[in-house]
Amino acid sequence: MRIAIPVTDGRLSAHFGHCEQFAIIDVDRGSKNILSHELVEPPPHEPGVLPKWLAGLHVELIIAGGMGQRAQQLFAQNNIDVVVGAPDNETQELVSQYLAGQLQSGQNICDH
């Protein structure tokens, strides 16, 4: 499974479309181990670009702090699941919590 997390200053970015980088993390669903972790620069922010770009990277899940409803719909159309309202933590901690079924998601802070 491949997970993407928007990152700013090494931690989860509060606003998905305006992050500095994306952490792309490969995990083994069976063993629930992190296999690889890399940071990649996103293309310039424009509506509809990130869903296609992340789908092209074979991302299956996004863990985000905030994301607008339209963006969530576009990711769903690209067969990418989205978890919003994740806490401001380090990426590997978020993935470990998700895999253990312990990721606490709160309010989606993005309203557009």
PDB file of N, CA and C in Angstrom:
ATOM      1  N   MET A   1       0.852  -1.172   0.000  1.00  0.00           N
ATOM      2  CA  MET A   1       0.000   0.000   0.000  1.00  0.00           C
ATOM      3  C   MET A   1       0.893   1.228   0.000  1.00  0.00           C
ATOM      4  N   ARG A   2       0.495   2.224  -0.763  1.00  0.00           N
ATOM      5  CA  ARG A   2       1.258   3.471  -0.835  1.00  0.00           C
ATOM      6  C   ARG A   2       0.407   4.598  -0.249  1.00  0.00           C
ATOM      7  N   ILE A   3       0.990   5.321   0.707  1.00  0.00           N
ATOM      8  CA  ILE A   3       0.316   6.402   1.422  1.00  0.00           C
ATOM      9  C   ILE A   3       1.034   7.714   1.123  1.00  0.00           C
ATOM     10  N   ALA A   4       0.260   8.783   0.915  1.00  0.00           N
ATOM     11  CA  ALA A   4       0.826  10.126   0.727  1.00  0.00           C
ATOM     12  C   ALA A   4       0.372  11.022   1.878  1.00  0.00           C
ATOM     13  N   ILE A   5       1.319  11.827   2.358  1.00  0.00           N
ATOM     14  CA  ILE A   5       1.021  12.770   3.432  1.00  0.00           C
ATOM     15  C   ILE A   5       1.615  14.128   3.046  1.00  0.00           C
ATOM     16  N   PRO A   6       0.790  15.188   3.030  1.00  0.00           N
ATOM     17  CA  PRO A   6       1.320  16.519   2.734  1.00  0.00           C
ATOM     18  C   PRO A   6       2.173  17.011   3.906  1.00  0.00           C
ATOM     19  N   VAL A   7       3.354  17.545   3.587  1.00  0.00           N
ATOM     20  CA  VAL A   7       4.316  17.902   4.627  1.00  0.00           C
ATOM     21  C   VAL A   7       4.764  19.361   4.470  1.00  0.00           C
ATOM     22  N   THR A   8       4.851  20.049   5.598  1.00  0.00           N
ATOM     23  CA  THR A   8       5.456  21.371   5.680  1.00  0.00           C
ATOM     24  C   THR A   8       6.323  21.382   6.934  1.00  0.00           C
ATOM     25  N   ASP A   9       7.560  21.772   6.784  1.00  0.00           N
ATOM     26  CA  ASP A   9       8.520  21.799   7.895  1.00  0.00           C
ATOM     27  C   ASP A   9       8.632  20.439   8.592  1.00  0.00           C
ATOM     28  N   GLY A  10       8.563  19.355   7.821  1.00  0.00           N
ATOM     29  CA  GLY A  10       8.775  18.018   8.365  1.00  0.00           C
ATOM     30  C   GLY A  10       7.601  17.393   9.082  1.00  0.00           C
ATOM     31  N   ARG A  11       6.465  18.080   9.102  1.00  0.00           N
ATOM     32  CA  ARG A  11       5.277  17.562   9.793  1.00  0.00           C
ATOM     33  C   ARG A  11       4.067  17.675   8.874  1.00  0.00           C
ATOM     34  N   LEU A  12       2.991  17.038   9.271  1.00  0.00           N
ATOM     35  CA  LEU A  12       1.746  17.099   8.502  1.00  0.00           C
ATOM     36  C   LEU A  12       1.366  18.553   8.248  1.00  0.00           C
ATOM     37  N   SER A  13       1.102  18.878   6.995  1.00  0.00           N
ATOM     38  CA  SER A  13       0.679  20.219   6.613  1.00  0.00           C
ATOM     39  C   SER A  13      -0.807  20.385   6.894  1.00  0.00           C
ATOM     40  N   ALA A  14      -1.171  21.493   7.484  1.00  0.00           N
ATOM     41  CA  ALA A  14      -2.577  21.743   7.802  1.00  0.00           C
ATOM     42  C   ALA A  14      -3.423  21.907   6.546  1.00  0.00           C
ATOM     43  N   HIS A  15      -2.837  22.459   5.487  1.00  0.00           N
ATOM     44  CA  HIS A  15      -3.585  22.717   4.263  1.00  0.00           C
ATOM     45  C   HIS A  15      -2.987  21.910   3.117  1.00  0.00           C
ATOM     46  N   PHE A  16      -3.711  20.909   2.712  1.00  0.00           N
ATOM     47  CA  PHE A  16      -3.256  19.913   1.753  1.00  0.00           C
ATOM     48  C   PHE A  16      -2.634  20.503   0.493  1.00  0.00           C
ATOM     49  N   GLY A  17      -3.325  21.392  -0.174  1.00  0.00           N
ATOM     50  CA  GLY A  17      -2.882  21.898  -1.468  1.00  0.00           C
ATOM     51  C   GLY A  17      -1.734  22.881  -1.418  1.00  0.00           C
ATOM     52  N   HIS A  18      -1.322  23.262  -0.226  1.00  0.00           N
ATOM     53  CA  HIS A  18      -0.275  24.276  -0.102  1.00  0.00           C
ATOM     54  C   HIS A  18       0.940  23.753   0.656  1.00  0.00           C
ATOM     55  N   CYS A  19       1.171  22.453   0.593  1.00  0.00           N
ATOM     56  CA  CYS A  19       2.300  21.864   1.307  1.00  0.00           C
ATOM     57  C   CYS A  19       3.592  22.053   0.524  1.00  0.00           C
ATOM     58  N   GLU A  20       4.721  21.903   1.230  1.00  0.00           N
ATOM     59  CA  GLU A  20       6.038  22.024   0.594  1.00  0.00           C
ATOM     60  C   GLU A  20       6.407  20.749  -0.157  1.00  0.00           C
ATOM     61  N   GLN A  21       6.056  19.601   0.439  1.00  0.00           N
ATOM     62  CA  GLN A  21       6.417  18.300  -0.107  1.00  0.00           C
ATOM     63  C   GLN A  21       5.335  17.287   0.240  1.00  0.00           C
ATOM     64  N   PHE A  22       5.447  16.117  -0.383  1.00  0.00           N
ATOM     65  CA  PHE A  22       4.619  14.981   0.005  1.00  0.00           C
ATOM     66  C   PHE A  22       5.531  13.864   0.468  1.00  0.00           C
ATOM     67  N   ALA A  23       5.208  13.291   1.612  1.00  0.00           N
ATOM     68  CA  ALA A  23       5.868  12.065   2.035  1.00  0.00           C
ATOM     69  C   ALA A  23       5.136  10.932   1.333  1.00  0.00           C
ATOM     70  N   ILE A  24       5.871  10.117   0.608  1.00  0.00           N
ATOM     71  CA  ILE A  24       5.305   8.949  -0.054  1.00  0.00           C
ATOM     72  C   ILE A  24       5.844   7.740   0.699  1.00  0.00           C
ATOM     73  N   ILE A  25       4.954   6.997   1.313  1.00  0.00           N
ATOM     74  CA  ILE A  25       5.351   5.916   2.209  1.00  0.00           C
ATOM     75  C   ILE A  25       4.738   4.609   1.739  1.00  0.00           C
ATOM     76  N   ASP A  26       5.588   3.624   1.507  1.00  0.00           N
ATOM     77  CA  ASP A  26       5.143   2.285   1.135  1.00  0.00           C
ATOM     78  C   ASP A  26       5.086   1.430   2.388  1.00  0.00           C
ATOM     79  N   VAL A  27       3.971   0.711   2.553  1.00  0.00           N
ATOM     80  CA  VAL A  27       3.813  -0.156   3.721  1.00  0.00           C
ATOM     81  C   VAL A  27       3.374  -1.548   3.280  1.00  0.00           C
ATOM     82  N   ASP A  28       3.695  -2.512   4.096  1.00  0.00           N
ATOM     83  CA  ASP A  28       3.242  -3.882   3.908  1.00  0.00           C
ATOM     84  C   ASP A  28       1.986  -4.042   4.765  1.00  0.00           C
ATOM     85  N   ARG A  29       0.848  -4.249   4.116  1.00  0.00           N
ATOM     86  CA  ARG A  29      -0.420  -4.361   4.855  1.00  0.00           C
ATOM     87  C   ARG A  29      -0.423  -5.534   5.817  1.00  0.00           C
ATOM     88  N   GLY A  30       0.185  -6.648   5.390  1.00  0.00           N
ATOM     89  CA  GLY A  30       0.184  -7.850   6.224  1.00  0.00           C
ATOM     90  C   GLY A  30       0.974  -7.675   7.508  1.00  0.00           C
ATOM     91  N   SER A  31       2.224  -7.251   7.372  1.00  0.00           N
ATOM     92  CA  SER A  31       3.080  -7.102   8.549  1.00  0.00           C
ATOM     93  C   SER A  31       2.915  -5.739   9.219  1.00  0.00           C
ATOM     94  N   LYS A  32       2.264  -4.810   8.513  1.00  0.00           N
ATOM     95  CA  LYS A  32       2.063  -3.438   8.992  1.00  0.00           C
ATOM     96  C   LYS A  32       3.386  -2.725   9.251  1.00  0.00           C
ATOM     97  N   ASN A  33       4.366  -3.033   8.402  1.00  0.00           N
ATOM     98  CA  ASN A  33       5.673  -2.389   8.494  1.00  0.00           C
ATOM     99  C   ASN A  33       5.832  -1.343   7.393  1.00  0.00           C
ATOM    100  N   ILE A  34       6.567  -0.278   7.714  1.00  0.00           N
ATOM    101  CA  ILE A  34       6.916   0.720   6.719  1.00  0.00           C
ATOM    102  C   ILE A  34       8.091   0.180   5.913  1.00  0.00           C
ATOM    103  N   LEU A  35       7.927   0.110   4.587  1.00  0.00           N
ATOM    104  CA  LEU A  35       8.961  -0.425   3.707  1.00  0.00           C
ATOM    105  C   LEU A  35       9.881   0.657   3.161  1.00  0.00           C
ATOM    106  N   SER A  36       9.308   1.812   2.823  1.00  0.00           N
ATOM    107  CA  SER A  36      10.123   2.914   2.304  1.00  0.00           C
ATOM    108  C   SER A  36       9.424   4.238   2.583  1.00  0.00           C
ATOM    109  N   HIS A  37      10.232   5.297   2.561  1.00  0.00           N
ATOM    110  CA  HIS A  37       9.735   6.640   2.869  1.00  0.00           C
ATOM    111  C   HIS A  37      10.558   7.631   2.056  1.00  0.00           C
ATOM    112  N   GLU A  38       9.892   8.426   1.215  1.00  0.00           N
ATOM    113  CA  GLU A  38      10.610   9.446   0.460  1.00  0.00           C
ATOM    114  C   GLU A  38       9.801  10.731   0.431  1.00  0.00           C
ATOM    115  N   LEU A  39      10.492  11.839   0.270  1.00  0.00           N
ATOM    116  CA  LEU A  39       9.845  13.144   0.139  1.00  0.00           C
ATOM    117  C   LEU A  39       9.953  13.583  -1.309  1.00  0.00           C
ATOM    118  N   VAL A  40       8.823  14.014  -1.885  1.00  0.00           N
ATOM    119  CA  VAL A  40       8.799  14.457  -3.270  1.00  0.00           C
ATOM    120  C   VAL A  40       8.163  15.836  -3.361  1.00  0.00           C
ATOM    121  N   GLU A  41       8.632  16.605  -4.332  1.00  0.00           N
ATOM    122  CA  GLU A  41       8.097  17.949  -4.574  1.00  0.00           C
ATOM    123  C   GLU A  41       6.834  17.831  -5.425  1.00  0.00           C
ATOM    124  N   PRO A  42       5.738  18.467  -5.026  1.00  0.00           N
ATOM    125  CA  PRO A  42       4.528  18.416  -5.832  1.00  0.00           C
ATOM    126  C   PRO A  42       4.610  19.365  -7.020  1.00  0.00           C
ATOM    127  N   PRO A  43       3.785  19.129  -8.032  1.00  0.00           N
ATOM    128  CA  PRO A  43       3.697  20.096  -9.128  1.00  0.00           C
ATOM    129  C   PRO A  43       3.035  21.371  -8.615  1.00  0.00           C
ATOM    130  N   PRO A  44       3.112  22.466  -9.373  1.00  0.00           N
ATOM    131  CA  PRO A  44       2.448  23.711  -8.951  1.00  0.00           C
ATOM    132  C   PRO A  44       0.962  23.466  -8.679  1.00  0.00           C
ATOM    133  N   HIS A  45       0.458  24.129  -7.626  1.00  0.00           N
ATOM    134  CA  HIS A  45      -0.926  23.911  -7.198  1.00  0.00           C
ATOM    135  C   HIS A  45      -1.905  24.529  -8.189  1.00  0.00           C
ATOM    136  N   GLU A  46      -2.717  23.676  -8.770  1.00  0.00           N
ATOM    137  CA  GLU A  46      -3.822  24.084  -9.624  1.00  0.00           C
ATOM    138  C   GLU A  46      -4.943  23.071  -9.398  1.00  0.00           C
ATOM    139  N   PRO A  47      -6.192  23.474  -9.543  1.00  0.00           N
ATOM    140  CA  PRO A  47      -7.292  22.537  -9.333  1.00  0.00           C
ATOM    141  C   PRO A  47      -7.170  21.303 -10.228  1.00  0.00           C
ATOM    142  N   GLY A  48      -7.310  20.142  -9.605  1.00  0.00           N
ATOM    143  CA  GLY A  48      -7.318  18.882 -10.342  1.00  0.00           C
ATOM    144  C   GLY A  48      -5.965  18.274 -10.642  1.00  0.00           C
ATOM    145  N   VAL A  49      -4.865  18.988 -10.369  1.00  0.00           N
ATOM    146  CA  VAL A  49      -3.529  18.484 -10.701  1.00  0.00           C
ATOM    147  C   VAL A  49      -3.073  17.407  -9.711  1.00  0.00           C
ATOM    148  N   LEU A  50      -3.223  17.659  -8.418  1.00  0.00           N
ATOM    149  CA  LEU A  50      -2.709  16.724  -7.419  1.00  0.00           C
ATOM    150  C   LEU A  50      -3.369  15.345  -7.465  1.00  0.00           C
ATOM    151  N   PRO A  51      -4.678  15.238  -7.670  1.00  0.00           N
ATOM    152  CA  PRO A  51      -5.262  13.890  -7.744  1.00  0.00           C
ATOM    153  C   PRO A  51      -4.656  13.046  -8.866  1.00  0.00           C
ATOM    154  N   LYS A  52      -4.487  13.626 -10.035  1.00  0.00           N
ATOM    155  CA  LYS A  52      -3.902  12.881 -11.155  1.00  0.00           C
ATOM    156  C   LYS A  52      -2.439  12.551 -10.883  1.00  0.00           C
ATOM    157  N   TRP A  53      -1.703  13.501 -10.336  1.00  0.00           N
ATOM    158  CA  TRP A  53      -0.285  13.298 -10.044  1.00  0.00           C
ATOM    159  C   TRP A  53      -0.093  12.179  -9.022  1.00  0.00           C
ATOM    160  N   LEU A  54      -0.851  12.225  -7.920  1.00  0.00           N
ATOM    161  CA  LEU A  54      -0.706  11.194  -6.893  1.00  0.00           C
ATOM    162  C   LEU A  54      -1.208   9.836  -7.385  1.00  0.00           C
ATOM    163  N   ALA A  55      -2.245   9.824  -8.211  1.00  0.00           N
ATOM    164  CA  ALA A  55      -2.702   8.566  -8.799  1.00  0.00           C
ATOM    165  C   ALA A  55      -1.600   7.975  -9.677  1.00  0.00           C
ATOM    166  N   GLY A  56      -0.882   8.833 -10.398  1.00  0.00           N
ATOM    167  CA  GLY A  56       0.229   8.386 -11.230  1.00  0.00           C
ATOM    168  C   GLY A  56       1.386   7.817 -10.425  1.00  0.00           C
ATOM    169  N   LEU A  57       1.463   8.205  -9.149  1.00  0.00           N
ATOM    170  CA  LEU A  57       2.479   7.660  -8.249  1.00  0.00           C
ATOM    171  C   LEU A  57       1.972   6.401  -7.530  1.00  0.00           C
ATOM    172  N   HIS A  58       0.773   5.956  -7.881  1.00  0.00           N
ATOM    173  CA  HIS A  58       0.153   4.739  -7.329  1.00  0.00           C
ATOM    174  C   HIS A  58      -0.216   4.873  -5.851  1.00  0.00           C
ATOM    175  N   VAL A  59      -0.543   6.091  -5.430  1.00  0.00           N
ATOM    176  CA  VAL A  59      -0.983   6.331  -4.058  1.00  0.00           C
ATOM    177  C   VAL A  59      -2.386   5.756  -3.884  1.00  0.00           C
ATOM    178  N   GLU A  60      -2.614   5.078  -2.762  1.00  0.00           N
ATOM    179  CA  GLU A  60      -3.922   4.488  -2.460  1.00  0.00           C
ATOM    180  C   GLU A  60      -4.638   5.193  -1.316  1.00  0.00           C
ATOM    181  N   LEU A  61      -3.880   5.941  -0.492  1.00  0.00           N
ATOM    182  CA  LEU A  61      -4.447   6.593   0.682  1.00  0.00           C
ATOM    183  C   LEU A  61      -3.717   7.901   0.936  1.00  0.00           C
ATOM    184  N   ILE A  62      -4.475   8.917   1.308  1.00  0.00           N
ATOM    185  CA  ILE A  62      -3.907  10.197   1.730  1.00  0.00           C
ATOM    186  C   ILE A  62      -4.321  10.433   3.169  1.00  0.00           C
ATOM    187  N   ILE A  63      -3.350  10.791   3.994  1.00  0.00           N
ATOM    188  CA  ILE A  63      -3.630  11.220   5.360  1.00  0.00           C
ATOM    189  C   ILE A  63      -3.405  12.723   5.371  1.00  0.00           C
ATOM    190  N   ALA A  64      -4.458  13.490   5.678  1.00  0.00           N
ATOM    191  CA  ALA A  64      -4.403  14.949   5.587  1.00  0.00           C
ATOM    192  C   ALA A  64      -4.954  15.605   6.841  1.00  0.00           C
ATOM    193  N   GLY A  65      -4.536  16.850   7.052  1.00  0.00           N
ATOM    194  CA  GLY A  65      -5.111  17.651   8.126  1.00  0.00           C
ATOM    195  C   GLY A  65      -6.422  18.250   7.655  1.00  0.00           C
ATOM    196  N   GLY A  66      -6.357  18.980   6.552  1.00  0.00           N
ATOM    197  CA  GLY A  66      -7.547  19.600   5.981  1.00  0.00           C
ATOM    198  C   GLY A  66      -7.559  19.458   4.476  1.00  0.00           C
ATOM    199  N   MET A  67      -8.750  19.248   3.931  1.00  0.00           N
ATOM    200  CA  MET A  67      -8.903  19.125   2.481  1.00  0.00           C
ATOM    201  C   MET A  67     -10.338  19.472   2.110  1.00  0.00           C
ATOM    202  N   GLY A  68     -10.492  20.273   1.080  1.00  0.00           N
ATOM    203  CA  GLY A  68     -11.821  20.664   0.622  1.00  0.00           C
ATOM    204  C   GLY A  68     -12.617  19.501   0.074  1.00  0.00           C
ATOM    205  N   GLN A  69     -13.929  19.651   0.064  1.00  0.00           N
ATOM    206  CA  GLN A  69     -14.829  18.587  -0.411  1.00  0.00           C
ATOM    207  C   GLN A  69     -14.588  18.241  -1.876  1.00  0.00           C
ATOM    208  N   ARG A  70     -14.371  19.242  -2.709  1.00  0.00           N
ATOM    209  CA  ARG A  70     -14.150  18.973  -4.136  1.00  0.00           C
ATOM    210  C   ARG A  70     -12.884  18.147  -4.335  1.00  0.00           C
ATOM    211  N   ALA A  71     -11.822  18.477  -3.608  1.00  0.00           N
ATOM    212  CA  ALA A  71     -10.583  17.698  -3.706  1.00  0.00           C
ATOM    213  C   ALA A  71     -10.827  16.256  -3.274  1.00  0.00           C
ATOM    214  N   GLN A  72     -11.586  16.067  -2.219  1.00  0.00           N
ATOM    215  CA  GLN A  72     -11.886  14.703  -1.758  1.00  0.00           C
ATOM    216  C   GLN A  72     -12.641  13.927  -2.839  1.00  0.00           C
ATOM    217  N   GLN A  73     -13.556  14.589  -3.525  1.00  0.00           N
ATOM    218  CA  GLN A  73     -14.290  13.939  -4.617  1.00  0.00           C
ATOM    219  C   GLN A  73     -13.358  13.554  -5.755  1.00  0.00           C
ATOM    220  N   LEU A  74     -12.420  14.439  -6.101  1.00  0.00           N
ATOM    221  CA  LEU A  74     -11.472  14.143  -7.173  1.00  0.00           C
ATOM    222  C   LEU A  74     -10.570  12.966  -6.815  1.00  0.00           C
ATOM    223  N   PHE A  75     -10.167  12.880  -5.554  1.00  0.00           N
ATOM    224  CA  PHE A  75      -9.354  11.734  -5.137  1.00  0.00           C
ATOM    225  C   PHE A  75     -10.172  10.449  -5.195  1.00  0.00           C
ATOM    226  N   ALA A  76     -11.432  10.503  -4.798  1.00  0.00           N
ATOM    227  CA  ALA A  76     -12.294   9.325  -4.871  1.00  0.00           C
ATOM    228  C   ALA A  76     -12.440   8.853  -6.321  1.00  0.00           C
ATOM    229  N   GLN A  77     -12.546   9.792  -7.249  1.00  0.00           N
ATOM    230  CA  GLN A  77     -12.639   9.442  -8.666  1.00  0.00           C
ATOM    231  C   GLN A  77     -11.361   8.780  -9.177  1.00  0.00           C
ATOM    232  N   ASN A  78     -10.240   9.025  -8.493  1.00  0.00           N
ATOM    233  CA  ASN A  78      -8.963   8.417  -8.852  1.00  0.00           C
ATOM    234  C   ASN A  78      -8.637   7.213  -7.965  1.00  0.00           C
ATOM    235  N   ASN A  79      -9.659   6.689  -7.283  1.00  0.00           N
ATOM    236  CA  ASN A  79      -9.519   5.507  -6.414  1.00  0.00           C
ATOM    237  C   ASN A  79      -8.495   5.697  -5.303  1.00  0.00           C
ATOM    238  N   ILE A  80      -8.463   6.888  -4.736  1.00  0.00           N
ATOM    239  CA  ILE A  80      -7.580   7.188  -3.612  1.00  0.00           C
ATOM    240  C   ILE A  80      -8.454   7.531  -2.413  1.00  0.00           C
ATOM    241  N   ASP A  81      -8.279   6.769  -1.317  1.00  0.00           N
ATOM    242  CA  ASP A  81      -9.005   7.045  -0.080  1.00  0.00           C
ATOM    243  C   ASP A  81      -8.356   8.224   0.636  1.00  0.00           C
ATOM    244  N   VAL A  82      -9.157   8.957   1.412  1.00  0.00           N
ATOM    245  CA  VAL A  82      -8.671  10.136   2.117  1.00  0.00           C
ATOM    246  C   VAL A  82      -9.114  10.080   3.576  1.00  0.00           C
ATOM    247  N   VAL A  83      -8.163  10.332   4.479  1.00  0.00           N
ATOM    248  CA  VAL A  83      -8.456  10.521   5.896  1.00  0.00           C
ATOM    249  C   VAL A  83      -8.146  11.980   6.194  1.00  0.00           C
ATOM    250  N   VAL A  84      -9.132  12.733   6.662  1.00  0.00           N
ATOM    251  CA  VAL A  84      -8.912  14.144   6.999  1.00  0.00           C
ATOM    252  C   VAL A  84      -9.015  14.343   8.501  1.00  0.00           C
ATOM    253  N   GLY A  85      -8.463  15.462   8.960  1.00  0.00           N
ATOM    254  CA  GLY A  85      -8.512  15.794  10.382  1.00  0.00           C
ATOM    255  C   GLY A  85      -7.420  15.118  11.184  1.00  0.00           C
ATOM    256  N   ALA A  86      -6.362  14.647  10.505  1.00  0.00           N
ATOM    257  CA  ALA A  86      -5.257  14.008  11.209  1.00  0.00           C
ATOM    258  C   ALA A  86      -4.496  15.053  12.034  1.00  0.00           C
ATOM    259  N   PRO A  87      -3.905  14.629  13.139  1.00  0.00           N
ATOM    260  CA  PRO A  87      -3.159  15.573  13.978  1.00  0.00           C
ATOM    261  C   PRO A  87      -1.824  15.967  13.358  1.00  0.00           C
ATOM    262  N   ASP A  88      -1.281  17.058  13.840  1.00  0.00           N
ATOM    263  CA  ASP A  88       0.003  17.598  13.367  1.00  0.00           C
ATOM    264  C   ASP A  88       1.143  16.775  13.965  1.00  0.00           C
ATOM    265  N   ASN A  89       1.438  15.632  13.348  1.00  0.00           N
ATOM    266  CA  ASN A  89       2.498  14.741  13.816  1.00  0.00           C
ATOM    267  C   ASN A  89       3.487  14.476  12.699  1.00  0.00           C
ATOM    268  N   GLU A  90       4.553  13.765  13.031  1.00  0.00           N
ATOM    269  CA  GLU A  90       5.508  13.333  12.024  1.00  0.00           C
ATOM    270  C   GLU A  90       4.876  12.241  11.169  1.00  0.00           C
ATOM    271  N   THR A  91       5.299  12.158   9.927  1.00  0.00           N
ATOM    272  CA  THR A  91       4.651  11.271   8.958  1.00  0.00           C
ATOM    273  C   THR A  91       4.692   9.801   9.356  1.00  0.00           C
ATOM    274  N   GLN A  92       5.834   9.317   9.797  1.00  0.00           N
ATOM    275  CA  GLN A  92       5.930   7.892  10.133  1.00  0.00           C
ATOM    276  C   GLN A  92       5.066   7.546  11.339  1.00  0.00           C
ATOM    277  N   GLU A  93       4.919   8.489  12.261  1.00  0.00           N
ATOM    278  CA  GLU A  93       4.042   8.275  13.410  1.00  0.00           C
ATOM    279  C   GLU A  93       2.581   8.169  12.944  1.00  0.00           C
ATOM    280  N   LEU A  94       2.173   9.041  12.019  1.00  0.00           N
ATOM    281  CA  LEU A  94       0.812   8.990  11.485  1.00  0.00           C
ATOM    282  C   LEU A  94       0.531   7.656  10.808  1.00  0.00           C
ATOM    283  N   VAL A  95       1.482   7.187   9.994  1.00  0.00           N
ATOM    284  CA  VAL A  95       1.305   5.922   9.292  1.00  0.00           C
ATOM    285  C   VAL A  95       1.233   4.768  10.290  1.00  0.00           C
ATOM    286  N   SER A  96       2.103   4.766  11.282  1.00  0.00           N
ATOM    287  CA  SER A  96       2.079   3.704  12.292  1.00  0.00           C
ATOM    288  C   SER A  96       0.747   3.682  13.030  1.00  0.00           C
ATOM    289  N   GLN A  97       0.233   4.860  13.375  1.00  0.00           N
ATOM    290  CA  GLN A  97      -1.071   4.938  14.044  1.00  0.00           C
ATOM    291  C   GLN A  97      -2.180   4.426  13.133  1.00  0.00           C
ATOM    292  N   TYR A  98      -2.128   4.791  11.851  1.00  0.00           N
ATOM    293  CA  TYR A  98      -3.140   4.341  10.896  1.00  0.00           C
ATOM    294  C   TYR A  98      -3.121   2.812  10.793  1.00  0.00           C
ATOM    295  N   LEU A  99      -1.940   2.248  10.626  1.00  0.00           N
ATOM    296  CA  LEU A  99      -1.829   0.794  10.468  1.00  0.00           C
ATOM    297  C   LEU A  99      -2.286   0.036  11.712  1.00  0.00           C
ATOM    298  N   ALA A 100      -2.117   0.658  12.876  1.00  0.00           N
ATOM    299  CA  ALA A 100      -2.542   0.028  14.131  1.00  0.00           C
ATOM    300  C   ALA A 100      -4.017   0.289  14.431  1.00  0.00           C
ATOM    301  N   GLY A 101      -4.698   1.058  13.552  1.00  0.00           N
ATOM    302  CA  GLY A 101      -6.101   1.388  13.791  1.00  0.00           C
ATOM    303  C   GLY A 101      -6.278   2.391  14.902  1.00  0.00           C
ATOM    304  N   GLN A 102      -5.246   3.196  15.168  1.00  0.00           N
ATOM    305  CA  GLN A 102      -5.276   4.138  16.290  1.00  0.00           C
ATOM    306  C   GLN A 102      -5.155   5.596  15.859  1.00  0.00           C
ATOM    307  N   LEU A 103      -5.243   5.866  14.550  1.00  0.00           N
ATOM    308  CA  LEU A 103      -5.134   7.250  14.087  1.00  0.00           C
ATOM    309  C   LEU A 103      -6.392   8.006  14.481  1.00  0.00           C
ATOM    310  N   GLN A 104      -6.210   9.032  15.295  1.00  0.00           N
ATOM    311  CA  GLN A 104      -7.318   9.856  15.743  1.00  0.00           C
ATOM    312  C   GLN A 104      -7.506  11.007  14.773  1.00  0.00           C
ATOM    313  N   SER A 105      -8.598  10.970  14.012  1.00  0.00           N
ATOM    314  CA  SER A 105      -8.860  12.080  13.103  1.00  0.00           C
ATOM    315  C   SER A 105      -9.900  12.988  13.738  1.00  0.00           C
ATOM    316  N   GLY A 106      -9.670  14.274  13.579  1.00  0.00           N
ATOM    317  CA  GLY A 106     -10.567  15.264  14.161  1.00  0.00           C
ATOM    318  C   GLY A 106     -11.331  15.999  13.081  1.00  0.00           C
ATOM    319  N   GLN A 107     -11.509  17.264  13.295  1.00  0.00           N
ATOM    320  CA  GLN A 107     -12.269  18.100  12.370  1.00  0.00           C
ATOM    321  C   GLN A 107     -11.438  18.446  11.144  1.00  0.00           C
ATOM    322  N   ASN A 108     -12.089  18.414   9.991  1.00  0.00           N
ATOM    323  CA  ASN A 108     -11.475  18.859   8.743  1.00  0.00           C
ATOM    324  C   ASN A 108     -11.376  20.366   8.803  1.00  0.00           C
ATOM    325  N   ILE A 109     -10.138  20.890   8.838  1.00  0.00           N
ATOM    326  CA  ILE A 109      -9.972  22.338   9.027  1.00  0.00           C
ATOM    327  C   ILE A 109     -10.102  23.133   7.739  1.00  0.00           C
ATOM    328  N   CYS A 110     -10.318  22.457   6.636  1.00  0.00           N
ATOM    329  CA  CYS A 110     -10.443  23.131   5.344  1.00  0.00           C
ATOM    330  C   CYS A 110     -11.926  23.179   4.954  1.00  0.00           C
ATOM    331  N   ASP A 111     -12.408  24.346   4.557  1.00  0.00           N
ATOM    332  CA  ASP A 111     -13.830  24.479   4.263  1.00  0.00           C
ATOM    333  C   ASP A 111     -14.117  24.837   2.809  1.00  0.00           C
ATOM    334  N   HIS A 112     -13.156  24.593   1.900  1.00  0.00           N
ATOM    335  CA  HIS A 112     -13.424  24.907   0.493  1.00  0.00           C
ATOM    336  C   HIS A 112     -13.066  23.750  -0.402  1.00  0.00           C
TER     337      HIS A 112
END
